[in-house]
């Protein structure tokens, strides 16, 4: 729901976008690493409560590791974000 800003009055259900760059690397053991850069996010989007800082790009990363019954992932947002890293399992 990060980029979700659907307006129920809009019949085409178009949402505003952001400029971004995403890189992923897949390891042989099914683990993967993601790095991303987001630009142009000067408003809150989706469930965000704090807007980004104007023209400063946001950076982030994620490491996803296979587990016997699913996966575990750690992500780190850019330092200017108000939230810290998180632990997800799936």
N, C-alpha and C. Protein backbone atom coordinates (compact mmCIF):
# COMPACT_ATOMS: atom_id res chain seq x y z
N UNK A 1 0.81 -1.20 0.00
CA UNK A 1 0.00 0.00 0.00
C UNK A 1 0.86 1.26 0.00
N UNK A 2 2.15 1.13 -0.28
CA UNK A 2 3.05 2.26 -0.20
C UNK A 2 2.68 3.36 -1.19
N UNK A 3 2.41 3.00 -2.44
CA UNK A 3 2.13 3.99 -3.46
C UNK A 3 0.63 4.12 -3.73
N UNK A 4 -0.20 3.56 -2.90
CA UNK A 4 -1.62 3.51 -3.16
C UNK A 4 -2.30 4.83 -2.76
N UNK A 5 -2.80 5.56 -3.73
CA UNK A 5 -3.56 6.78 -3.49
C UNK A 5 -4.76 6.81 -4.43
N UNK A 6 -5.46 5.71 -4.56
CA UNK A 6 -6.58 5.62 -5.49
C UNK A 6 -7.72 6.50 -5.00
N UNK A 7 -8.23 7.32 -5.90
CA UNK A 7 -9.36 8.19 -5.62
C UNK A 7 -10.63 7.47 -6.09
N UNK A 8 -11.56 7.18 -5.19
CA UNK A 8 -12.76 6.44 -5.59
C UNK A 8 -13.61 7.19 -6.60
N UNK A 9 -13.41 8.51 -6.73
CA UNK A 9 -14.17 9.30 -7.71
C UNK A 9 -13.56 9.24 -9.10
N UNK A 10 -12.35 8.69 -9.23
CA UNK A 10 -11.67 8.61 -10.52
C UNK A 10 -12.06 7.32 -11.24
N UNK A 11 -12.79 7.39 -12.35
CA UNK A 11 -13.22 6.16 -13.02
C UNK A 11 -12.07 5.37 -13.64
N UNK A 12 -10.94 6.02 -13.94
CA UNK A 12 -9.80 5.32 -14.53
C UNK A 12 -8.86 4.73 -13.47
N UNK A 13 -9.04 5.11 -12.21
CA UNK A 13 -8.23 4.62 -11.10
C UNK A 13 -6.74 4.87 -11.32
N UNK A 14 -6.39 6.07 -11.81
CA UNK A 14 -4.98 6.43 -12.00
C UNK A 14 -4.40 6.93 -10.69
N UNK A 15 -3.14 6.61 -10.45
CA UNK A 15 -2.47 7.05 -9.22
C UNK A 15 -1.21 7.83 -9.59
N UNK A 16 -0.80 8.79 -8.75
CA UNK A 16 0.44 9.52 -9.03
C UNK A 16 1.64 8.61 -8.85
N UNK A 17 2.68 8.84 -9.62
CA UNK A 17 3.86 8.00 -9.54
C UNK A 17 5.06 8.73 -8.97
N UNK A 18 6.17 8.04 -8.89
CA UNK A 18 7.44 8.60 -8.45
C UNK A 18 8.52 8.15 -9.42
N UNK A 19 9.62 8.86 -9.44
CA UNK A 19 10.77 8.42 -10.22
C UNK A 19 11.59 7.49 -9.34
N UNK A 20 11.98 6.36 -9.88
CA UNK A 20 12.70 5.39 -9.06
C UNK A 20 13.66 4.56 -9.90
N UNK A 21 14.59 3.95 -9.19
CA UNK A 21 15.54 3.04 -9.79
C UNK A 21 15.66 1.87 -8.82
N UNK A 22 15.50 0.65 -9.32
CA UNK A 22 15.56 -0.55 -8.49
C UNK A 22 16.57 -1.52 -9.08
N UNK A 23 17.45 -2.00 -8.25
CA UNK A 23 18.41 -3.03 -8.66
C UNK A 23 18.25 -4.25 -7.77
N UNK A 24 18.25 -5.42 -8.38
CA UNK A 24 18.14 -6.67 -7.62
C UNK A 24 19.26 -7.61 -8.04
N UNK A 25 19.77 -8.36 -7.07
CA UNK A 25 20.76 -9.39 -7.36
C UNK A 25 20.28 -10.69 -6.71
N UNK A 26 20.24 -11.75 -7.51
CA UNK A 26 19.78 -13.05 -7.03
C UNK A 26 20.98 -13.98 -6.84
N UNK A 27 21.10 -14.56 -5.66
CA UNK A 27 22.17 -15.48 -5.35
C UNK A 27 21.74 -16.91 -5.70
N UNK A 28 22.69 -17.83 -5.78
CA UNK A 28 22.40 -19.22 -6.16
C UNK A 28 21.54 -19.95 -5.12
N UNK A 29 21.59 -19.53 -3.87
CA UNK A 29 20.80 -20.20 -2.83
C UNK A 29 19.40 -19.62 -2.68
N UNK A 30 18.95 -18.83 -3.67
CA UNK A 30 17.63 -18.21 -3.71
C UNK A 30 17.52 -16.98 -2.82
N UNK A 31 18.60 -16.54 -2.20
CA UNK A 31 18.60 -15.27 -1.47
C UNK A 31 18.69 -14.15 -2.51
N UNK A 32 18.26 -12.94 -2.13
CA UNK A 32 18.40 -11.82 -3.05
C UNK A 32 18.59 -10.53 -2.28
N UNK A 33 19.18 -9.57 -2.96
CA UNK A 33 19.45 -8.25 -2.39
C UNK A 33 18.84 -7.19 -3.31
N UNK A 34 18.20 -6.21 -2.72
CA UNK A 34 17.58 -5.11 -3.47
C UNK A 34 18.20 -3.80 -3.00
N UNK A 35 18.41 -2.89 -3.92
CA UNK A 35 18.81 -1.51 -3.62
C UNK A 35 17.91 -0.61 -4.44
N UNK A 36 17.43 0.49 -3.85
CA UNK A 36 16.56 1.39 -4.60
C UNK A 36 16.83 2.84 -4.26
N UNK A 37 16.44 3.69 -5.20
CA UNK A 37 16.50 5.15 -5.06
C UNK A 37 15.15 5.69 -5.51
N UNK A 38 14.54 6.55 -4.70
CA UNK A 38 13.27 7.19 -5.04
C UNK A 38 13.47 8.69 -5.09
N UNK A 39 12.82 9.33 -6.05
CA UNK A 39 12.96 10.78 -6.23
C UNK A 39 11.59 11.37 -6.55
N UNK A 40 11.34 12.58 -6.09
CA UNK A 40 10.10 13.26 -6.42
C UNK A 40 8.95 12.92 -5.50
N UNK A 41 9.25 12.54 -4.29
CA UNK A 41 8.21 12.20 -3.32
C UNK A 41 8.05 13.34 -2.33
N UNK A 42 7.42 14.43 -2.73
CA UNK A 42 7.29 15.56 -1.82
C UNK A 42 5.98 15.57 -1.06
N UNK A 43 5.15 14.55 -1.25
CA UNK A 43 3.88 14.43 -0.52
C UNK A 43 3.85 13.06 0.14
N UNK A 44 2.97 12.92 1.12
CA UNK A 44 2.79 11.60 1.71
C UNK A 44 2.04 10.72 0.72
N UNK A 45 2.40 9.44 0.68
CA UNK A 45 1.81 8.49 -0.25
C UNK A 45 1.39 7.26 0.54
N UNK A 46 0.20 6.76 0.28
CA UNK A 46 -0.26 5.54 0.94
C UNK A 46 -0.36 5.71 2.44
N UNK A 47 0.35 4.87 3.19
CA UNK A 47 0.28 4.89 4.64
C UNK A 47 1.35 5.76 5.28
N UNK A 48 2.11 6.52 4.52
CA UNK A 48 3.14 7.39 5.08
C UNK A 48 2.50 8.46 5.95
N UNK A 49 3.20 8.86 6.99
CA UNK A 49 2.70 9.93 7.85
C UNK A 49 3.59 11.17 7.77
N UNK A 50 4.83 11.00 7.29
CA UNK A 50 5.78 12.10 7.18
C UNK A 50 6.21 12.22 5.72
N UNK A 51 6.06 13.42 5.10
CA UNK A 51 6.50 13.56 3.71
C UNK A 51 8.01 13.52 3.58
N UNK A 52 8.48 13.21 2.39
CA UNK A 52 9.91 13.19 2.10
C UNK A 52 10.43 14.61 1.98
N UNK A 53 11.74 14.74 2.01
CA UNK A 53 12.38 16.04 1.88
C UNK A 53 12.52 16.34 0.39
N UNK A 54 11.82 17.37 -0.09
CA UNK A 54 11.80 17.85 -1.47
C UNK A 54 12.62 17.16 -2.52
N UNK A 55 13.76 17.72 -2.90
CA UNK A 55 14.57 17.24 -4.01
C UNK A 55 15.69 16.29 -3.59
N UNK A 56 15.66 15.82 -2.37
CA UNK A 56 16.69 14.90 -1.90
C UNK A 56 16.24 13.47 -2.16
N UNK A 57 17.05 12.66 -2.85
CA UNK A 57 16.64 11.28 -3.14
C UNK A 57 16.59 10.43 -1.87
N UNK A 58 15.72 9.45 -1.88
CA UNK A 58 15.62 8.49 -0.78
C UNK A 58 16.26 7.18 -1.23
N UNK A 59 17.04 6.58 -0.36
CA UNK A 59 17.72 5.33 -0.66
C UNK A 59 17.19 4.24 0.27
N UNK A 60 17.27 3.02 -0.18
CA UNK A 60 16.87 1.91 0.67
C UNK A 60 17.47 0.62 0.18
N UNK A 61 17.35 -0.40 0.99
CA UNK A 61 17.86 -1.71 0.63
C UNK A 61 17.13 -2.81 1.36
N UNK A 62 17.26 -4.00 0.83
CA UNK A 62 16.58 -5.16 1.41
C UNK A 62 17.40 -6.41 1.13
N UNK A 63 17.52 -7.26 2.12
CA UNK A 63 18.13 -8.57 1.98
C UNK A 63 17.04 -9.60 2.30
N UNK A 64 16.83 -10.53 1.40
CA UNK A 64 15.81 -11.55 1.57
C UNK A 64 16.49 -12.91 1.57
N UNK A 65 16.27 -13.69 2.62
CA UNK A 65 16.94 -14.98 2.80
C UNK A 65 15.92 -16.11 2.84
N UNK A 66 16.23 -17.22 2.18
CA UNK A 66 15.32 -18.37 2.24
C UNK A 66 15.39 -19.05 3.60
N UNK A 67 14.26 -19.55 4.06
CA UNK A 67 14.16 -20.30 5.31
C UNK A 67 13.47 -21.62 4.98
N UNK A 68 13.54 -22.61 5.88
CA UNK A 68 12.89 -23.89 5.57
C UNK A 68 11.39 -23.78 5.27
N UNK A 69 10.69 -22.87 5.93
CA UNK A 69 9.24 -22.74 5.70
C UNK A 69 8.89 -21.31 5.29
N UNK A 70 9.58 -20.75 4.33
CA UNK A 70 9.28 -19.40 3.87
C UNK A 70 10.54 -18.60 3.63
N UNK A 71 10.44 -17.32 3.91
CA UNK A 71 11.56 -16.40 3.72
C UNK A 71 11.59 -15.40 4.87
N UNK A 72 12.75 -14.81 5.09
CA UNK A 72 12.88 -13.72 6.04
C UNK A 72 13.58 -12.59 5.31
N UNK A 73 13.16 -11.35 5.59
CA UNK A 73 13.74 -10.20 4.89
C UNK A 73 14.00 -9.08 5.88
N UNK A 74 15.09 -8.37 5.66
CA UNK A 74 15.45 -7.20 6.44
C UNK A 74 15.53 -6.03 5.46
N UNK A 75 14.95 -4.89 5.81
CA UNK A 75 15.08 -3.73 4.93
C UNK A 75 15.52 -2.53 5.73
N UNK A 76 16.17 -1.60 5.04
CA UNK A 76 16.65 -0.37 5.65
C UNK A 76 16.24 0.79 4.76
N UNK A 77 15.42 1.72 5.28
CA UNK A 77 15.06 2.90 4.50
C UNK A 77 16.15 3.95 4.59
N UNK A 78 16.01 5.03 3.86
CA UNK A 78 17.02 6.10 3.90
C UNK A 78 17.04 6.75 5.27
N UNK A 79 18.18 7.33 5.65
CA UNK A 79 18.33 7.90 6.99
C UNK A 79 17.35 9.03 7.30
N UNK A 80 16.85 9.74 6.28
CA UNK A 80 15.94 10.84 6.57
C UNK A 80 14.52 10.36 6.80
N UNK A 81 14.26 9.06 6.63
CA UNK A 81 12.94 8.52 6.92
C UNK A 81 12.74 8.50 8.44
N UNK A 82 11.51 8.65 8.86
CA UNK A 82 11.22 8.69 10.29
C UNK A 82 11.08 7.29 10.89
N UNK A 83 10.92 6.26 10.05
CA UNK A 83 10.78 4.92 10.58
C UNK A 83 12.11 4.18 10.47
N UNK A 84 12.31 3.20 11.31
CA UNK A 84 13.53 2.42 11.27
C UNK A 84 13.37 1.20 10.40
N UNK A 85 14.36 0.32 10.43
CA UNK A 85 14.28 -0.91 9.67
C UNK A 85 13.22 -1.83 10.22
N UNK A 86 12.98 -2.92 9.54
CA UNK A 86 11.95 -3.83 10.00
C UNK A 86 12.33 -5.26 9.68
N UNK A 87 11.64 -6.16 10.30
CA UNK A 87 11.82 -7.59 10.07
C UNK A 87 10.51 -8.12 9.53
N UNK A 88 10.56 -8.79 8.40
CA UNK A 88 9.38 -9.38 7.80
C UNK A 88 9.60 -10.87 7.67
N UNK A 89 8.57 -11.62 7.72
CA UNK A 89 8.66 -13.04 7.41
C UNK A 89 7.49 -13.42 6.53
N UNK A 90 7.69 -14.40 5.68
CA UNK A 90 6.62 -14.74 4.77
C UNK A 90 6.53 -16.14 4.48
